Amino acid sequence: MVLKKWSTVTMLSEDRCKATSNEAIGCYSCEAGTTAEVNCYTRNEDTMANVECEKEVFAIRCTPKGHNTNITFFANNAKFRRTCSISCVENSEGFEIKGNMNYSGSIWTSIHRAIRGDTTRYNKINFPDIGHVIDSYIGYMKTVIIVLAIVGIGFLLTYTMIPQAGFKVVKNILKGKLCIFMILIEILFFACQFQHFLIQCVFNVLVQLLVSRHAPTFRH
């Protein structure tokens, strides 16, 4: 039996660390995860710093010229945000990491895996972030409404110079804007209903698959 000698080195530094972060990139509910580049500066010498981001903890290098380190998170939502703090011994400063993540999963791929028996866990099924999808629809609608309002005001200012045709033009513009607005509302409503129906159908199929796989078999 051979015993190897080993030693532990403790690095203590009184230097002050400061970190900045670029926008986080990546995907949510995926194996690749979310990556953020953190740049750490010190005043005097090279040192190591601890970065605490809520439940995650990382060790990164800091230099007087700044050192970039990529740290990886695993997010479940499209809007990623972490409040972090970096510390060198007793000195601690806060910073924030945030970004909009992409959806790279596939509901149908997850169903196929469940059918093949690769996974029987519901939390491995990659559903899109419904809240982010609805926010995107609402943001798109706001943009369309603003554009329509600007175009309508432009037509209004142009045709009000003609007293005889001004009222009719304004009336037609208002009717057109109202019709388009109602169509957008209906599209958003049916899109949300379809999304809810699709998720419910997928969930029911997965439950039936899991029940059928774990149901006891009786032999006579």
Foldseek 3Di string as FASTA:
>chain_A
DDDDDDDDDDDADPWAKDKDKDAWEEAALDPVAIKIKIKMATCPAKDWKWKDWPPDIDIDIYGNVIDIDIDGDHHHAQWDKTWMWIDRVPHIDIDMYIHGYDHDADQVVVLVCLLVVVDLDPSSRRDHHVVVVLVVLVVVLVVVLVVLVVVLVVVLVVCVVPVVCNVVSNVVSVVVSVVVNVVSVVVSVVVSVVSVVVVVVSVVSSVVSSCVVPPDDDDD
